[in-house]
Amino acid sequence: MTVADLSTTDRYPTRGSDSALLDRADPTVWPGGSTGPAAREELAAHDAKGFHVVEGLLSPAEVQTYWQELERLTRDEEVRSDERTIIERSSNEVRSIFEVHRISPLIGELARDPRVLDRARQILGSDVYVHQSRINYMPGYRGTGFYWHSDFETWHAEDGMPAMRAVSISIALTDNYPFNGGLMIMPGAHRTFVSCAGETPDDNYKSSLKKQEAGVPSEDDITKLAYEHGIEQFTGSAGSALWFDSNCMHGSGNNITPYPRSNIFIVFNSVENTLVEPYAAKSRRPDYIAARDFTPVRR
C-alpha cells in the first residue's frame, strides 16, 4: 500500500455508533531509520511496550534553564492571553501552552537537539516534522489530570493523521513521583486501536484541551486493556524523558500533593504521514494544535 493509499483509506474508523477494539495495522518502530542515540535494546522495548524511558536526557543545569523558561512564559501576560495558552477552569492557572517550540526559541532549539531529533528519526524511519508541541503545568494541589485516551484516535479523527507513524517525547522538568499526577500507561496496548463511539462536536478542541469527552474509550474497553496489559507509571527525576507511541493508552490523575509536575511535550510525525482532511470531524483543528507545515526539522 502506497503513501497515497494510506491517506485516503480509513483503516482506523472511529466516532461511530459503537466502540470496537481493532488490531494495529502499522509498525511501532518503522524500518529505514538512520543511526542515532537509541540502542537496539531501547528500540526493542519501544516496539514491545509502546514506550521507553531515557534517564538523564537533560543535565541538572539544563533542567534549571528550561524550568526558568517555563516560569517566564507563565508570567508573561502576552503569552497568557494568547489563544495557544490553555487556562485551568477551576484555578485560573496556566494548564498548557501550545506551539511552544515557536513561542520559545529555547524550546525550538530543543526540538532540533540531536538527542531528541535523531531518536525520533530512528523510531519513525524517516525525516520528521513537529506535529504538536506544548508545555504542561500541573501545579501542586490544583493540577488536573487527563482521562484514559489514545492520542492517535484524536489526531486521526480530528486532524486527519492517516497512520500511526508519530511519536511523542515528554521531558520532565520536575521530579515525577507515583503520587503527584504522574503519567500512567498500558504497556503493549498500543497494538490495539480503540474505536470510540459518538460524534465529534463542532469546535471540540475548545473544550477537549481542558477536559476530553469525545474520543474517550468506554469503561469496558479500558477494563479489557488494563486486565490484559496492566498499568505502568512514568516516574523519575527531573531531566528524564518518556518516548511513547501515538497509540499508547495513557492517562493521569489529579495532583493533590504540594509537588508540581511540569514537562515539555513534543510530537514528531513522519514526513511520509502528513495530514489530510479529518476522518471524523467536520473541520480541521487550528494549526497550533495540529501543524500543517510539514517542513522537516533540521539541526
C-alpha atoms as a PDB file:
ATOM      1  CA  MET A   1       0.000   0.000   0.000  1.00  0.00           C
ATOM      2  CA  THR A   2       1.436   3.371  -1.022  1.00  0.00           C
ATOM      3  CA  VAL A   3       1.531   6.575   0.998  1.00  0.00           C
ATOM      4  CA  ALA A   4      -1.262   7.954  -1.192  1.00  0.00           C
ATOM      5  CA  ASP A   5      -3.411   4.889  -0.463  1.00  0.00           C
ATOM      6  CA  LEU A   6      -2.839   5.293   3.281  1.00  0.00           C
ATOM      7  CA  SER A   7      -4.029   8.894   3.201  1.00  0.00           C
ATOM      8  CA  THR A   8      -7.344   8.061   1.513  1.00  0.00           C
ATOM      9  CA  THR A   9      -8.140   4.715   3.163  1.00  0.00           C
ATOM     10  CA  ASP A  10      -9.516   4.876   6.689  1.00  0.00           C
ATOM     11  CA  ARG A  11      -8.046   1.826   8.397  1.00  0.00           C
ATOM     12  CA  TYR A  12      -8.976   3.144  11.839  1.00  0.00           C
ATOM     13  CA  PRO A  13     -12.667   4.142  11.757  1.00  0.00           C
ATOM     14  CA  THR A  14     -13.869   5.843  14.932  1.00  0.00           C
ATOM     15  CA  ARG A  15     -16.535   8.171  16.355  1.00  0.00           C
ATOM     16  CA  GLY A  16     -19.359   5.943  15.061  1.00  0.00           C
ATOM     17  CA  SER A  17     -22.365   4.419  16.796  1.00  0.00           C
ATOM     18  CA  ASP A  18     -20.419   1.671  18.577  1.00  0.00           C
ATOM     19  CA  SER A  19     -16.981   1.193  20.104  1.00  0.00           C
ATOM     20  CA  ALA A  20     -14.621  -1.563  18.958  1.00  0.00           C
ATOM     21  CA  LEU A  21     -11.122  -2.906  19.541  1.00  0.00           C
ATOM     22  CA  LEU A  22      -9.166  -3.123  16.259  1.00  0.00           C
ATOM     23  CA  ASP A  23      -5.750  -4.643  15.585  1.00  0.00           C
ATOM     24  CA  ARG A  24      -2.995  -2.187  14.760  1.00  0.00           C
ATOM     25  CA  ALA A  25      -2.009  -2.222  11.079  1.00  0.00           C
ATOM     26  CA  ASP A  26       1.215  -0.185  11.361  1.00  0.00           C
ATOM     27  CA  PRO A  27       4.710  -0.852  12.743  1.00  0.00           C
ATOM     28  CA  THR A  28       5.756   0.764  16.005  1.00  0.00           C
ATOM     29  CA  VAL A  29       9.457   1.086  15.124  1.00  0.00           C
ATOM     30  CA  TRP A  30       9.497   1.782  11.403  1.00  0.00           C
ATOM     31  CA  PRO A  31      12.121   0.358   9.021  1.00  0.00           C
ATOM     32  CA  GLY A  32      14.611   2.593   7.278  1.00  0.00           C
ATOM     33  CA  GLY A  33      15.674   4.610  10.297  1.00  0.00           C
ATOM     34  CA  SER A  34      19.160   6.070  10.350  1.00  0.00           C
ATOM     35  CA  THR A  35      21.655   5.557  13.134  1.00  0.00           C
ATOM     36  CA  GLY A  36      21.066   7.543  16.281  1.00  0.00           C
ATOM     37  CA  PRO A  37      21.206   7.608  20.068  1.00  0.00           C
ATOM     38  CA  ALA A  38      18.685   4.803  20.701  1.00  0.00           C
ATOM     39  CA  ALA A  39      20.290   1.447  21.453  1.00  0.00           C
ATOM     40  CA  ARG A  40      18.914  -1.746  19.928  1.00  0.00           C
ATOM     41  CA  GLU A  41      17.532  -2.798  23.314  1.00  0.00           C
ATOM     42  CA  GLU A  42      15.688   0.518  23.688  1.00  0.00           C
ATOM     43  CA  LEU A  43      14.101   0.172  20.257  1.00  0.00           C
ATOM     44  CA  ALA A  44      13.086  -3.401  21.059  1.00  0.00           C
ATOM     45  CA  ALA A  45      11.460  -2.248  24.306  1.00  0.00           C
ATOM     46  CA  HIS A  46       9.695   0.564  22.476  1.00  0.00           C
ATOM     47  CA  ASP A  47       8.365  -1.908  19.928  1.00  0.00           C
ATOM     48  CA  ALA A  48       7.119  -4.339  22.592  1.00  0.00           C
ATOM     49  CA  LYS A  49       5.674  -1.897  25.121  1.00  0.00           C
ATOM     50  CA  GLY A  50       4.995   1.178  23.004  1.00  0.00           C
ATOM     51  CA  PHE A  51       7.317   3.351  25.071  1.00  0.00           C
ATOM     52  CA  HIS A  52      10.736   3.600  26.673  1.00  0.00           C
ATOM     53  CA  VAL A  53      12.419   5.913  29.174  1.00  0.00           C
ATOM     54  CA  VAL A  54      15.687   7.810  28.774  1.00  0.00           C
ATOM     55  CA  GLU A  55      17.101   8.709  32.164  1.00  0.00           C
ATOM     56  CA  GLY A  56      19.091  11.942  32.449  1.00  0.00           C
ATOM     57  CA  LEU A  57      18.345  13.248  28.963  1.00  0.00           C
ATOM     58  CA  LEU A  58      18.855  16.755  30.341  1.00  0.00           C
ATOM     59  CA  SER A  59      21.577  17.687  32.813  1.00  0.00           C
ATOM     60  CA  PRO A  60      20.616  19.409  36.093  1.00  0.00           C
ATOM     61  CA  ALA A  61      21.850  22.717  34.654  1.00  0.00           C
ATOM     62  CA  GLU A  62      19.681  22.268  31.539  1.00  0.00           C
ATOM     63  CA  VAL A  63      16.679  21.383  33.679  1.00  0.00           C
ATOM     64  CA  GLN A  64      17.123  24.625  35.602  1.00  0.00           C
ATOM     65  CA  THR A  65      17.396  26.622  32.373  1.00  0.00           C
ATOM     66  CA  TYR A  66      14.190  25.159  30.929  1.00  0.00           C
ATOM     67  CA  TRP A  67      12.357  25.477  34.243  1.00  0.00           C
ATOM     68  CA  GLN A  68      13.193  29.167  34.326  1.00  0.00           C
ATOM     69  CA  GLU A  69      11.860  29.452  30.772  1.00  0.00           C
ATOM     70  CA  LEU A  70       8.582  27.800  31.803  1.00  0.00           C
ATOM     71  CA  GLU A  71       8.287  30.215  34.719  1.00  0.00           C
ATOM     72  CA  ARG A  72       8.969  33.158  32.419  1.00  0.00           C
ATOM     73  CA  LEU A  73       6.304  32.048  29.960  1.00  0.00           C
ATOM     74  CA  THR A  74       3.608  31.518  32.575  1.00  0.00           C
ATOM     75  CA  ARG A  75       4.220  35.037  33.977  1.00  0.00           C
ATOM     76  CA  ASP A  76       4.170  36.692  30.535  1.00  0.00           C
ATOM     77  CA  GLU A  77       0.776  38.398  30.164  1.00  0.00           C
ATOM     78  CA  GLU A  78       1.036  38.388  26.382  1.00  0.00           C
ATOM     79  CA  VAL A  79       1.604  34.625  26.360  1.00  0.00           C
ATOM     80  CA  ARG A  80      -1.161  34.104  28.913  1.00  0.00           C
ATOM     81  CA  SER A  81      -3.692  35.946  26.738  1.00  0.00           C
ATOM     82  CA  ASP A  82      -2.616  34.111  23.557  1.00  0.00           C
ATOM     83  CA  GLU A  83      -5.152  31.650  22.120  1.00  0.00           C
ATOM     84  CA  ARG A  84      -2.454  28.977  22.261  1.00  0.00           C
ATOM     85  CA  THR A  85      -2.489  29.114  26.080  1.00  0.00           C
ATOM     86  CA  ILE A  86      -5.000  26.938  27.943  1.00  0.00           C
ATOM     87  CA  ILE A  87      -6.171  28.123  31.366  1.00  0.00           C
ATOM     88  CA  GLU A  88      -7.494  25.774  34.079  1.00  0.00           C
ATOM     89  CA  ARG A  89     -11.235  26.154  34.582  1.00  0.00           C
ATOM     90  CA  SER A  90     -11.156  25.927  38.355  1.00  0.00           C
ATOM     91  CA  SER A  91      -7.954  27.708  39.365  1.00  0.00           C
ATOM     92  CA  ASN A  92      -7.386  30.198  36.506  1.00  0.00           C
ATOM     93  CA  GLU A  93      -3.814  28.928  36.261  1.00  0.00           C
ATOM     94  CA  VAL A  94      -1.981  28.065  33.052  1.00  0.00           C
ATOM     95  CA  ARG A  95      -2.543  24.409  32.112  1.00  0.00           C
ATOM     96  CA  SER A  96      -0.740  24.224  28.745  1.00  0.00           C
ATOM     97  CA  ILE A  97       0.954  26.424  26.168  1.00  0.00           C
ATOM     98  CA  PHE A  98       0.763  25.036  22.626  1.00  0.00           C
ATOM     99  CA  GLU A  99       3.167  25.570  19.733  1.00  0.00           C
ATOM    100  CA  VAL A 100       5.751  26.393  22.357  1.00  0.00           C
ATOM    101  CA  HIS A 101       8.655  25.487  20.059  1.00  0.00           C
ATOM    102  CA  ARG A 102       7.685  28.579  18.029  1.00  0.00           C
ATOM    103  CA  ILE A 103       6.896  30.823  21.001  1.00  0.00           C
ATOM    104  CA  SER A 104      10.165  29.998  22.784  1.00  0.00           C
ATOM    105  CA  PRO A 105      13.418  29.917  20.762  1.00  0.00           C
ATOM    106  CA  LEU A 106      14.981  27.923  23.605  1.00  0.00           C
ATOM    107  CA  ILE A 107      12.445  25.115  23.267  1.00  0.00           C
ATOM    108  CA  GLY A 108      12.693  25.391  19.488  1.00  0.00           C
ATOM    109  CA  GLU A 109      16.375  24.526  19.835  1.00  0.00           C
ATOM    110  CA  LEU A 110      15.448  21.511  21.961  1.00  0.00           C
ATOM    111  CA  ALA A 111      13.306  20.105  19.128  1.00  0.00           C
ATOM    112  CA  ARG A 112      16.413  20.246  16.899  1.00  0.00           C
ATOM    113  CA  ASP A 113      18.768  18.791  19.506  1.00  0.00           C
ATOM    114  CA  PRO A 114      20.360  15.551  18.159  1.00  0.00           C
ATOM    115  CA  ARG A 115      19.495  13.777  21.423  1.00  0.00           C
ATOM    116  CA  VAL A 116      15.835  14.378  20.593  1.00  0.00           C
ATOM    117  CA  LEU A 117      15.574  14.722  16.824  1.00  0.00           C
ATOM    118  CA  ASP A 118      17.789  11.776  15.872  1.00  0.00           C
ATOM    119  CA  ARG A 119      15.905   9.368  18.163  1.00  0.00           C
ATOM    120  CA  ALA A 120      12.594  10.439  16.614  1.00  0.00           C
ATOM    121  CA  ARG A 121      14.026   9.731  13.162  1.00  0.00           C
ATOM    122  CA  GLN A 122      15.218   6.308  14.325  1.00  0.00           C
ATOM    123  CA  ILE A 123      11.792   5.328  15.612  1.00  0.00           C
ATOM    124  CA  LEU A 124       9.812   6.628  12.646  1.00  0.00           C
ATOM    125  CA  GLY A 125      12.275   5.593   9.929  1.00  0.00           C
ATOM    126  CA  SER A 126      12.224   8.921   8.092  1.00  0.00           C
ATOM    127  CA  ASP A 127      12.629  12.658   8.374  1.00  0.00           C
ATOM    128  CA  VAL A 128      10.144  14.203  10.780  1.00  0.00           C
ATOM    129  CA  TYR A 129       8.335  17.454  11.466  1.00  0.00           C
ATOM    130  CA  VAL A 130       6.735  18.788  14.662  1.00  0.00           C
ATOM    131  CA  HIS A 131       3.040  17.892  14.640  1.00  0.00           C
ATOM    132  CA  GLN A 132       2.434  19.489  18.040  1.00  0.00           C
ATOM    133  CA  SER A 133       4.398  20.939  20.938  1.00  0.00           C
ATOM    134  CA  ARG A 134       3.353  22.222  24.318  1.00  0.00           C
ATOM    135  CA  ILE A 135       4.414  22.679  27.886  1.00  0.00           C
ATOM    136  CA  ASN A 136       2.202  21.174  30.556  1.00  0.00           C
ATOM    137  CA  TYR A 137       1.903  22.648  34.022  1.00  0.00           C
ATOM    138  CA  MET A 138       0.430  20.548  36.820  1.00  0.00           C
ATOM    139  CA  PRO A 139       0.734  22.723  39.927  1.00  0.00           C
ATOM    140  CA  GLY A 140       0.571  21.334  43.414  1.00  0.00           C
ATOM    141  CA  TYR A 141      -2.916  20.953  44.949  1.00  0.00           C
ATOM    142  CA  ARG A 142      -4.758  22.152  41.824  1.00  0.00           C
ATOM    143  CA  GLY A 143      -3.276  20.205  38.896  1.00  0.00           C
ATOM    144  CA  THR A 144      -5.966  18.438  36.855  1.00  0.00           C
ATOM    145  CA  GLY A 145      -5.254  15.120  35.134  1.00  0.00           C
ATOM    146  CA  PHE A 146      -6.452  13.616  31.854  1.00  0.00           C
ATOM    147  CA  TYR A 147      -8.737  10.603  31.454  1.00  0.00           C
ATOM    148  CA  TRP A 148      -7.585   7.469  29.600  1.00  0.00           C
ATOM    149  CA  HIS A 149      -7.134   8.056  25.879  1.00  0.00           C
ATOM    150  CA  SER A 150      -5.016   7.389  22.801  1.00  0.00           C
ATOM    151  CA  ASP A 151      -3.570  10.499  21.171  1.00  0.00           C
ATOM    152  CA  PHE A 152      -3.765   8.883  17.746  1.00  0.00           C
ATOM    153  CA  GLU A 153      -7.543   8.468  17.995  1.00  0.00           C
ATOM    154  CA  THR A 154      -7.880  12.256  18.241  1.00  0.00           C
ATOM    155  CA  TRP A 155      -5.145  13.029  15.713  1.00  0.00           C
ATOM    156  CA  HIS A 156      -6.764  10.632  13.237  1.00  0.00           C
ATOM    157  CA  ALA A 157     -10.362  11.686  13.834  1.00  0.00           C
ATOM    158  CA  GLU A 158      -9.906  15.450  14.181  1.00  0.00           C
ATOM    159  CA  ASP A 159      -6.599  16.197  12.414  1.00  0.00           C
ATOM    160  CA  GLY A 160      -6.535  13.680   9.550  1.00  0.00           C
ATOM    161  CA  MET A 161      -3.376  11.775  10.525  1.00  0.00           C
ATOM    162  CA  PRO A 162      -3.509   8.649   8.321  1.00  0.00           C
ATOM    163  CA  ALA A 163      -1.172   6.189  10.076  1.00  0.00           C
ATOM    164  CA  MET A 164       0.333   5.518  13.484  1.00  0.00           C
ATOM    165  CA  ARG A 165       3.672   6.968  12.436  1.00  0.00           C
ATOM    166  CA  ALA A 166       4.088   9.628  15.118  1.00  0.00           C
ATOM    167  CA  VAL A 167       5.980   9.548  18.406  1.00  0.00           C
ATOM    168  CA  SER A 168       5.888  11.817  21.451  1.00  0.00           C
ATOM    169  CA  ILE A 169       8.550  12.805  23.936  1.00  0.00           C
ATOM    170  CA  SER A 170       7.649  14.053  27.396  1.00  0.00           C
ATOM    171  CA  ILE A 171      10.630  15.632  29.164  1.00  0.00           C
ATOM    172  CA  ALA A 172      10.228  16.004  32.922  1.00  0.00           C
ATOM    173  CA  LEU A 173      11.283  19.334  34.388  1.00  0.00           C
ATOM    174  CA  THR A 174      10.198  18.312  37.882  1.00  0.00           C
ATOM    175  CA  ASP A 175      10.572  15.057  39.742  1.00  0.00           C
ATOM    176  CA  ASN A 176       7.825  12.580  38.837  1.00  0.00           C
ATOM    177  CA  TYR A 177       6.547  10.660  41.846  1.00  0.00           C
ATOM    178  CA  PRO A 178       3.841   7.978  41.930  1.00  0.00           C
ATOM    179  CA  PHE A 179       1.671  10.433  43.881  1.00  0.00           C
ATOM    180  CA  ASN A 180       1.861  13.776  42.026  1.00  0.00           C
ATOM    181  CA  GLY A 181      -0.213  13.007  38.937  1.00  0.00           C
ATOM    182  CA  GLY A 182       2.401  11.031  37.007  1.00  0.00           C
ATOM    183  CA  LEU A 183       1.529   9.585  33.609  1.00  0.00           C
ATOM    184  CA  MET A 184       0.010   6.080  33.670  1.00  0.00           C
ATOM    185  CA  ILE A 185       0.428   3.942  30.565  1.00  0.00           C
ATOM    186  CA  MET A 186      -0.623   0.426  29.489  1.00  0.00           C
ATOM    187  CA  PRO A 187       2.382  -1.492  28.100  1.00  0.00           C
ATOM    188  CA  GLY A 188       1.516  -3.295  24.873  1.00  0.00           C
ATOM    189  CA  ALA A 189      -1.909  -1.694  24.450  1.00  0.00           C
ATOM    190  CA  HIS A 190      -0.516   0.371  21.581  1.00  0.00           C
ATOM    191  CA  ARG A 191      -1.137  -2.678  19.371  1.00  0.00           C
ATOM    192  CA  THR A 192      -4.896  -2.239  19.776  1.00  0.00           C
ATOM    193  CA  PHE A 193      -6.801   0.725  18.346  1.00  0.00           C
ATOM    194  CA  VAL A 194      -9.836   1.683  20.408  1.00  0.00           C
ATOM    195  CA  SER A 195     -12.548   2.901  18.070  1.00  0.00           C
ATOM    196  CA  CYS A 196     -14.704   5.212  20.182  1.00  0.00           C
ATOM    197  CA  ALA A 197     -18.439   5.785  19.979  1.00  0.00           C
ATOM    198  CA  GLY A 198     -20.057   9.172  19.499  1.00  0.00           C
ATOM    199  CA  GLU A 199     -19.792  12.042  17.030  1.00  0.00           C
ATOM    200  CA  THR A 200     -17.257  14.869  17.218  1.00  0.00           C
ATOM    201  CA  PRO A 201     -18.867  18.132  18.393  1.00  0.00           C
ATOM    202  CA  ASP A 202     -18.186  21.298  16.430  1.00  0.00           C
ATOM    203  CA  ASP A 203     -15.056  23.126  17.654  1.00  0.00           C
ATOM    204  CA  ASN A 204     -14.430  20.233  20.030  1.00  0.00           C
ATOM    205  CA  TYR A 205     -10.866  21.389  20.729  1.00  0.00           C
ATOM    206  CA  LYS A 206     -12.130  24.425  22.667  1.00  0.00           C
ATOM    207  CA  SER A 207     -13.307  22.151  25.476  1.00  0.00           C
ATOM    208  CA  SER A 208     -11.314  18.947  24.929  1.00  0.00           C
ATOM    209  CA  LEU A 209      -7.977  20.619  25.730  1.00  0.00           C
ATOM    210  CA  LYS A 210      -9.326  21.217  29.238  1.00  0.00           C
ATOM    211  CA  LYS A 211     -11.450  18.085  29.599  1.00  0.00           C
ATOM    212  CA  GLN A 212     -11.694  15.449  26.884  1.00  0.00           C
ATOM    213  CA  GLU A 213     -15.140  13.951  26.378  1.00  0.00           C
ATOM    214  CA  ALA A 214     -15.273  12.965  22.685  1.00  0.00           C
ATOM    215  CA  GLY A 215     -12.954  10.151  21.635  1.00  0.00           C
ATOM    216  CA  VAL A 216     -12.804   8.700  25.142  1.00  0.00           C
ATOM    217  CA  PRO A 217     -12.767   4.885  25.452  1.00  0.00           C
ATOM    218  CA  SER A 218     -15.598   3.155  27.265  1.00  0.00           C
ATOM    219  CA  GLU A 219     -15.007   1.777  30.738  1.00  0.00           C
ATOM    220  CA  ASP A 220     -15.477  -1.737  29.346  1.00  0.00           C
ATOM    221  CA  ASP A 221     -12.716  -1.218  26.767  1.00  0.00           C
ATOM    222  CA  ILE A 222     -10.365   0.331  29.326  1.00  0.00           C
ATOM    223  CA  THR A 223     -11.018  -2.586  31.672  1.00  0.00           C
ATOM    224  CA  LYS A 224     -10.251  -5.161  28.965  1.00  0.00           C
ATOM    225  CA  LEU A 225      -6.970  -3.458  28.054  1.00  0.00           C
ATOM    226  CA  ALA A 226      -5.919  -2.951  31.670  1.00  0.00           C
ATOM    227  CA  TYR A 227      -6.505  -6.586  32.620  1.00  0.00           C
ATOM    228  CA  GLU A 228      -4.642  -7.772  29.513  1.00  0.00           C
ATOM    229  CA  HIS A 229      -1.683  -5.388  29.681  1.00  0.00           C
ATOM    230  CA  GLY A 230      -1.509  -3.946  33.170  1.00  0.00           C
ATOM    231  CA  ILE A 231      -0.569  -0.364  34.027  1.00  0.00           C
ATOM    232  CA  GLU A 232       2.868   1.200  34.487  1.00  0.00           C
ATOM    233  CA  GLN A 233       3.687   4.716  35.597  1.00  0.00           C
ATOM    234  CA  PHE A 234       6.335   7.141  34.406  1.00  0.00           C
ATOM    235  CA  THR A 235       8.348   8.166  37.450  1.00  0.00           C
ATOM    236  CA  GLY A 236      11.827   9.577  37.663  1.00  0.00           C
ATOM    237  CA  SER A 237      13.928  12.607  38.368  1.00  0.00           C
ATOM    238  CA  ALA A 238      13.783  15.901  36.522  1.00  0.00           C
ATOM    239  CA  GLY A 239      15.591  15.644  33.195  1.00  0.00           C
ATOM    240  CA  SER A 240      14.327  12.151  32.375  1.00  0.00           C
ATOM    241  CA  ALA A 241      12.264  11.609  29.228  1.00  0.00           C
ATOM    242  CA  LEU A 242       9.471   9.288  28.166  1.00  0.00           C
ATOM    243  CA  TRP A 243       9.196   8.374  24.490  1.00  0.00           C
ATOM    244  CA  PHE A 244       5.799   6.895  23.638  1.00  0.00           C
ATOM    245  CA  ASP A 245       3.917   5.763  20.557  1.00  0.00           C
ATOM    246  CA  SER A 246       0.972   7.773  19.257  1.00  0.00           C
ATOM    247  CA  ASN A 247      -1.465   4.932  20.028  1.00  0.00           C
ATOM    248  CA  CYS A 248      -0.421   4.281  23.630  1.00  0.00           C
ATOM    249  CA  MET A 249      -3.338   4.143  26.058  1.00  0.00           C
ATOM    250  CA  HIS A 250      -2.465   6.579  28.823  1.00  0.00           C
ATOM    251  CA  GLY A 251      -3.874   8.999  31.360  1.00  0.00           C
ATOM    252  CA  SER A 252      -3.062  10.847  34.575  1.00  0.00           C
ATOM    253  CA  GLY A 253      -4.765  11.631  37.850  1.00  0.00           C
ATOM    254  CA  ASN A 254      -5.130  14.953  39.634  1.00  0.00           C
ATOM    255  CA  ASN A 255      -2.204  16.322  41.618  1.00  0.00           C
ATOM    256  CA  ILE A 256      -3.319  16.980  45.196  1.00  0.00           C
ATOM    257  CA  THR A 257       0.227  16.992  46.592  1.00  0.00           C
ATOM    258  CA  PRO A 258       2.401  20.088  47.217  1.00  0.00           C
ATOM    259  CA  TYR A 259       4.800  18.915  44.472  1.00  0.00           C
ATOM    260  CA  PRO A 260       4.250  20.400  40.988  1.00  0.00           C
ATOM    261  CA  ARG A 261       4.708  18.316  37.848  1.00  0.00           C
ATOM    262  CA  SER A 262       5.697  20.083  34.631  1.00  0.00           C
ATOM    263  CA  ASN A 263       7.013  18.798  31.337  1.00  0.00           C
ATOM    264  CA  ILE A 264       7.920  19.735  27.779  1.00  0.00           C
ATOM    265  CA  PHE A 265       5.934  17.713  25.250  1.00  0.00           C
ATOM    266  CA  ILE A 266       6.907  17.407  21.572  1.00  0.00           C
ATOM    267  CA  VAL A 267       5.175  15.247  18.944  1.00  0.00           C
ATOM    268  CA  PHE A 268       7.137  14.243  15.864  1.00  0.00           C
ATOM    269  CA  ASN A 269       5.284  12.953  12.800  1.00  0.00           C
ATOM    270  CA  SER A 270       6.855  11.337   9.747  1.00  0.00           C
ATOM    271  CA  VAL A 271       7.044  13.481   6.622  1.00  0.00           C
ATOM    272  CA  GLU A 272       5.576  10.409   4.890  1.00  0.00           C
ATOM    273  CA  ASN A 273       2.467  10.592   7.116  1.00  0.00           C
ATOM    274  CA  THR A 274       1.311  14.163   6.532  1.00  0.00           C
ATOM    275  CA  LEU A 275      -2.214  15.205   7.467  1.00  0.00           C
ATOM    276  CA  VAL A 276      -5.233  15.015   5.189  1.00  0.00           C
ATOM    277  CA  GLU A 277      -8.788  16.114   5.979  1.00  0.00           C
ATOM    278  CA  PRO A 278     -10.154  14.903   9.336  1.00  0.00           C
ATOM    279  CA  TYR A 279     -11.576  11.388   9.274  1.00  0.00           C
ATOM    280  CA  ALA A 280     -14.313  12.034  11.851  1.00  0.00           C
ATOM    281  CA  ALA A 281     -14.769  15.786  12.263  1.00  0.00           C
ATOM    282  CA  LYS A 282     -16.400  18.486  10.145  1.00  0.00           C
ATOM    283  CA  SER A 283     -13.434  20.845  10.206  1.00  0.00           C
ATOM    284  CA  ARG A 284      -9.711  20.934  10.978  1.00  0.00           C
ATOM    285  CA  ARG A 285      -8.315  21.940  14.334  1.00  0.00           C
ATOM    286  CA  PRO A 286      -6.091  25.053  14.353  1.00  0.00           C
ATOM    287  CA  ASP A 287      -2.530  24.702  13.067  1.00  0.00           C
ATOM    288  CA  TYR A 288      -1.084  25.479  16.501  1.00  0.00           C
ATOM    289  CA  ILE A 289      -2.630  22.197  17.705  1.00  0.00           C
ATOM    290  CA  ALA A 290      -2.075  20.148  14.553  1.00  0.00           C
ATOM    291  CA  ALA A 291       0.616  21.640  12.317  1.00  0.00           C
ATOM    292  CA  ARG A 292       0.184  21.600   8.551  1.00  0.00           C
ATOM    293  CA  ASP A 293       3.617  22.973   7.823  1.00  0.00           C
ATOM    294  CA  PHE A 294       5.279  19.660   7.019  1.00  0.00           C
ATOM    295  CA  THR A 295       8.808  21.053   6.722  1.00  0.00           C
ATOM    296  CA  PRO A 296      11.322  18.528   8.112  1.00  0.00           C
ATOM    297  CA  VAL A 297      13.103  19.528  11.306  1.00  0.00           C
ATOM    298  CA  ARG A 298      16.787  20.207  10.671  1.00  0.00           C
ATOM    299  CA  ARG A 299      19.590  20.701  13.153  1.00  0.00           C
END
